[in-house]
Protein backbone atom coordinates (compact mmCIF):
# COMPACT_ATOMS: atom_id res chain seq x y z
CA LEU A 1 -10.13 33.61 -7.15
CA GLY A 2 -7.48 34.77 -4.75
CA ASP A 3 -4.07 33.60 -3.68
CA VAL A 4 -3.62 30.03 -2.53
CA TYR A 5 -1.91 28.56 0.49
CA LYS A 6 -1.43 24.84 0.32
CA ARG A 7 -0.28 22.00 2.49
CA GLN A 8 0.06 18.30 1.87
CA LEU A 9 -0.10 15.47 4.33
CA SER A 10 0.16 11.95 3.02
CA THR A 11 -0.87 8.90 4.96
CA LEU A 12 -0.56 5.18 4.51
CA LEU A 13 -3.93 3.88 3.37
CA PRO A 14 -4.80 0.17 3.24
CA VAL A 15 -4.02 -1.61 -0.01
CA GLU A 16 -7.63 -2.67 -0.43
CA ALA A 17 -8.60 0.93 -1.07
CA THR A 18 -6.39 1.19 -4.14
CA GLU A 19 -7.87 -1.60 -6.23
CA SER A 20 -9.46 0.81 -8.70
CA ARG A 21 -6.70 2.57 -10.60
CA ASP A 22 -8.52 4.76 -13.09
CA VAL A 23 -6.19 7.69 -13.77
CA PHE A 24 -7.85 11.10 -13.59
CA GLU A 25 -6.79 14.40 -15.06
CA VAL A 26 -8.06 17.67 -13.63
CA LYS A 27 -10.50 18.11 -16.50
CA ASP A 28 -11.97 14.66 -15.80
CA VAL A 29 -12.90 15.33 -12.17
CA PRO A 30 -16.66 15.94 -11.95
CA ASN A 31 -17.53 19.29 -10.38
CA VAL A 32 -20.72 18.24 -8.63
CA GLN A 33 -21.66 21.81 -7.75
CA ILE A 34 -22.36 22.60 -11.38
CA GLU A 35 -25.48 20.45 -11.21
CA ASP A 36 -26.30 21.00 -7.53
CA SER A 37 -24.93 23.85 -5.42
CA LEU A 38 -25.59 21.84 -2.25
CA ARG A 39 -23.20 19.06 -3.23
CA PHE A 40 -19.54 19.29 -2.23
CA VAL A 41 -18.13 15.75 -2.57
CA SER A 42 -16.76 14.46 -5.86
CA ASP A 43 -16.15 10.70 -5.63
CA PRO A 44 -16.38 9.44 -9.22
CA SER A 45 -15.06 5.96 -8.43
CA HIS A 46 -17.44 5.51 -5.49
CA PHE A 47 -15.06 4.78 -2.65
CA LEU A 48 -17.76 6.21 -0.39
CA ASP A 49 -21.36 5.06 -0.26
CA SER A 50 -24.28 7.39 -0.92
CA SER A 51 -25.16 7.94 2.73
CA GLU A 52 -21.55 8.83 3.55
CA VAL A 53 -21.42 11.29 0.66
CA GLU A 54 -24.66 12.87 1.83
CA GLU A 55 -23.34 13.33 5.36
CA LEU A 56 -20.06 14.80 4.10
CA ASP A 57 -22.00 17.13 1.79
CA ASN A 58 -24.00 18.33 4.78
CA LYS A 59 -20.89 18.98 6.86
CA LEU A 60 -19.22 20.96 4.06
CA HIS A 61 -22.45 22.88 3.48
CA GLN A 62 -22.41 23.90 7.14
CA LEU A 63 -18.85 25.17 6.70
CA ARG A 64 -20.14 27.46 3.99
CA LEU A 65 -23.21 28.61 5.91
CA ASN A 66 -21.51 29.14 9.25
CA PHE A 67 -18.06 30.39 8.27
CA GLY A 68 -18.18 31.37 4.58
CA VAL A 69 -15.74 28.61 3.57
CA ASP A 70 -16.08 27.53 -0.06
CA ALA A 71 -15.12 23.88 0.42
CA ALA A 72 -14.88 20.76 -1.70
CA LEU A 73 -13.81 17.17 -1.08
CA VAL A 74 -12.45 15.01 -3.90
CA VAL A 75 -11.64 11.30 -3.68
CA LEU A 76 -9.77 9.79 -6.64
CA PRO A 77 -8.23 6.38 -7.31
CA SER A 78 -5.18 7.78 -9.15
CA ILE A 79 -3.72 10.90 -10.75
CA GLY A 80 -1.00 8.99 -12.56
CA ASP A 81 2.51 10.46 -12.41
CA ARG A 82 1.39 13.94 -11.41
CA THR A 83 2.28 15.25 -7.99
CA ILE A 84 -0.69 15.61 -5.69
CA GLU A 85 0.26 19.19 -4.80
CA ASP A 86 0.25 20.37 -8.44
CA PHE A 87 -2.95 18.48 -9.18
CA SER A 88 -4.67 19.91 -6.13
CA VAL A 89 -3.77 23.53 -6.87
CA GLU A 90 -4.78 23.17 -10.52
CA LEU A 91 -8.11 21.68 -9.48
CA PHE A 92 -8.58 24.42 -6.88
CA ARG A 93 -8.06 27.05 -9.58
CA SER A 94 -10.12 25.25 -12.20
CA TRP A 95 -13.13 25.09 -9.90
CA GLY A 96 -12.68 28.66 -8.67
CA LEU A 97 -12.93 27.81 -4.98
CA GLY A 98 -13.11 30.95 -2.88
CA ASN A 99 -13.03 34.39 -4.46
CA LYS A 100 -10.69 37.35 -4.89
CA LYS A 101 -12.28 39.24 -2.00
CA THR A 102 -12.26 36.58 0.72
CA ASN A 103 -9.78 33.93 -0.54
CA SER A 104 -11.80 31.44 1.52
CA GLY A 105 -11.50 28.30 -0.59
CA LEU A 106 -10.77 24.87 0.87
CA LEU A 107 -10.05 21.68 -1.07
CA ILE A 108 -9.44 18.27 0.49
CA LEU A 109 -8.01 15.83 -2.06
CA LEU A 110 -7.64 12.14 -1.23
CA VAL A 111 -5.73 10.03 -3.78
CA MET A 112 -5.84 6.36 -2.98
CA ASP A 113 -3.05 4.76 -4.99
CA VAL A 114 -0.37 7.17 -3.74
CA HIS A 115 -1.70 7.01 -0.19
CA LYS A 116 -1.97 10.77 0.22
CA ILE A 117 -4.42 13.34 1.45
CA PHE A 118 -3.78 16.95 0.50
CA ILE A 119 -5.38 20.14 1.84
CA THR A 120 -5.34 23.30 -0.25
CA THR A 121 -6.58 26.53 1.29
CA GLY A 122 -7.02 30.12 0.21
CA TYR A 123 -4.95 32.74 1.99
CA GLY A 124 -8.09 34.11 3.58
CA ILE A 125 -8.36 31.11 5.91
CA GLU A 126 -4.69 30.22 6.30
CA GLY A 127 -4.55 32.22 9.51
CA VAL A 128 -7.32 30.06 10.98
CA LEU A 129 -5.93 26.80 9.58
CA PRO A 130 -2.12 27.03 9.67
CA ASP A 131 0.14 24.07 9.01
CA ALA A 132 0.39 23.00 12.62
CA THR A 133 -3.38 22.89 13.04
CA CYS A 134 -4.02 20.97 9.82
CA SER A 135 -1.21 18.54 10.64
CA SER A 136 -2.74 17.89 14.03
CA ILE A 137 -6.23 17.44 12.57
CA ILE A 138 -5.04 14.90 10.03
CA ARG A 139 -2.84 13.03 12.47
CA ASN A 140 -5.31 12.91 15.36
CA ARG A 141 -8.72 12.96 13.74
CA MET A 142 -8.24 11.34 10.33
CA ILE A 143 -5.32 8.91 10.32
CA PRO A 144 -6.71 6.69 13.12
CA HIS A 145 -9.85 6.08 11.05
CA PHE A 146 -7.91 5.56 7.82
CA LYS A 147 -5.87 2.85 9.52
CA GLU A 148 -9.15 1.05 10.24
CA ASP A 149 -10.30 1.34 6.60
CA ALA A 150 -12.89 3.87 7.78
CA TYR A 151 -12.28 6.58 5.20
CA ALA A 152 -15.62 8.34 5.46
CA GLU A 153 -15.36 8.45 9.25
CA GLY A 154 -11.86 9.91 9.01
CA LEU A 155 -12.97 12.57 6.54
CA MET A 156 -16.02 13.43 8.66
CA SER A 157 -13.92 13.70 11.79
CA GLY A 158 -11.43 15.94 10.01
CA ILE A 159 -14.16 18.24 8.70
CA ASP A 160 -15.71 18.36 12.17
CA ALA A 161 -12.33 19.40 13.56
CA ILE A 162 -12.03 22.14 10.92
CA SER A 163 -15.45 23.43 11.96
CA GLU A 164 -14.40 23.38 15.60
CA VAL A 165 -11.35 25.48 14.78
CA PHE A 166 -13.43 28.08 12.97
CA LYS A 167 -15.87 28.17 15.89
CA THR A 168 -13.55 28.08 18.89
CA GLY A 169 -9.98 28.41 17.60
CA ASP A 170 -9.18 24.86 18.69
CA PHE A 171 -10.54 21.32 18.37
CA GLU A 172 -10.95 18.36 20.65
CA GLY A 173 -7.88 16.16 20.50
CA SER A 174 -5.55 18.94 19.34
CA ASP A 175 -1.88 18.54 20.14
CA GLY A 176 -0.94 21.96 18.78
CA GLY A 177 0.66 20.37 15.75
CA ASN A 178 3.24 18.59 17.88
CA SER A 179 3.49 14.98 18.95
CA SER A 180 6.11 13.01 20.79
CA GLU A 181 8.68 10.81 19.12
CA ASP A 182 7.13 7.85 20.95
CA GLU A 183 3.77 8.59 19.37
CA GLU A 184 5.07 8.96 15.84
CA GLY A 185 8.09 6.69 15.82
CA ASP A 186 9.51 6.37 12.31
CA TYR A 187 6.16 6.82 10.63
CA ILE A 188 5.97 10.55 10.04
CA LEU A 189 8.40 12.71 8.10
CA PHE A 190 7.87 16.43 7.57
CA ILE A 191 9.41 18.16 4.54
CA PHE A 192 8.88 21.87 3.97
CA TYR A 193 9.30 23.58 0.60
CA PRO A 194 9.04 27.33 0.01
CA ILE A 195 7.81 27.93 -3.54
CA ILE A 196 6.35 30.73 -5.67
CA PHE A 197 2.84 30.72 -7.10
CA PHE A 198 1.61 33.19 -9.75
CA TRP A 199 -1.98 34.38 -9.47
CA ASN A 200 -2.75 37.95 -10.53
CA LYS A 201 0.34 38.81 -8.48
CA ILE A 202 3.29 36.77 -7.20
CA SER A 203 2.63 35.30 -3.78
CA ASN A 204 4.57 32.98 -1.51
CA PHE A 205 2.98 29.88 -0.10
CA TYR A 206 4.25 26.78 1.61
CA PHE A 207 3.24 23.18 1.93
CA SER A 208 4.31 20.33 4.13
CA ILE A 209 4.46 16.64 3.33
CA MET A 210 3.84 14.05 6.03
CA ASP A 211 4.80 10.58 4.80
CA ILE A 212 3.88 7.42 6.63
CA LEU A 213 6.88 5.33 5.65
């Protein structure tokens, strides 16, 4: 597995979605691809129904077939006191998403009780999905659905937007990663941290946090 580029965007999710508070560790998260290579969604607490999981699996499978992206989506009720960024990178490594040659892994982690969604990418696709693009996808294609309790629809829309970027370099509804103060108000806060990650060699990567206050 190659170097990792990661970014975090956290959104306010409705309280109803956080009723189940089972705390997961990385080792507890089921890797569904072990049993079936055509499955990509791990939702052990069943926040999504079976038809939604099937549709998300199909969309992530198309990412692999069309663009060589080794993707996974994980939905968890809680990761306890761990930070979502550390949990996501450890899970990314544990599952071996991507490979040393292409670094084309992609992990979308949704943690309900901390109201955060986190995207971890391999360096091989960071140029296609930079921070500004992912921020715009989450803000414009996912958050509106999350605010309506439509989590599957938000995830599907976000994955569709990722596919559009790989296909055309842009996606419908893109704002280039920028939005006006009137649109965001006091709801979004960006914090950028440069940090070091060790993986066969030392590499720099960055992540951004978007908090809906």
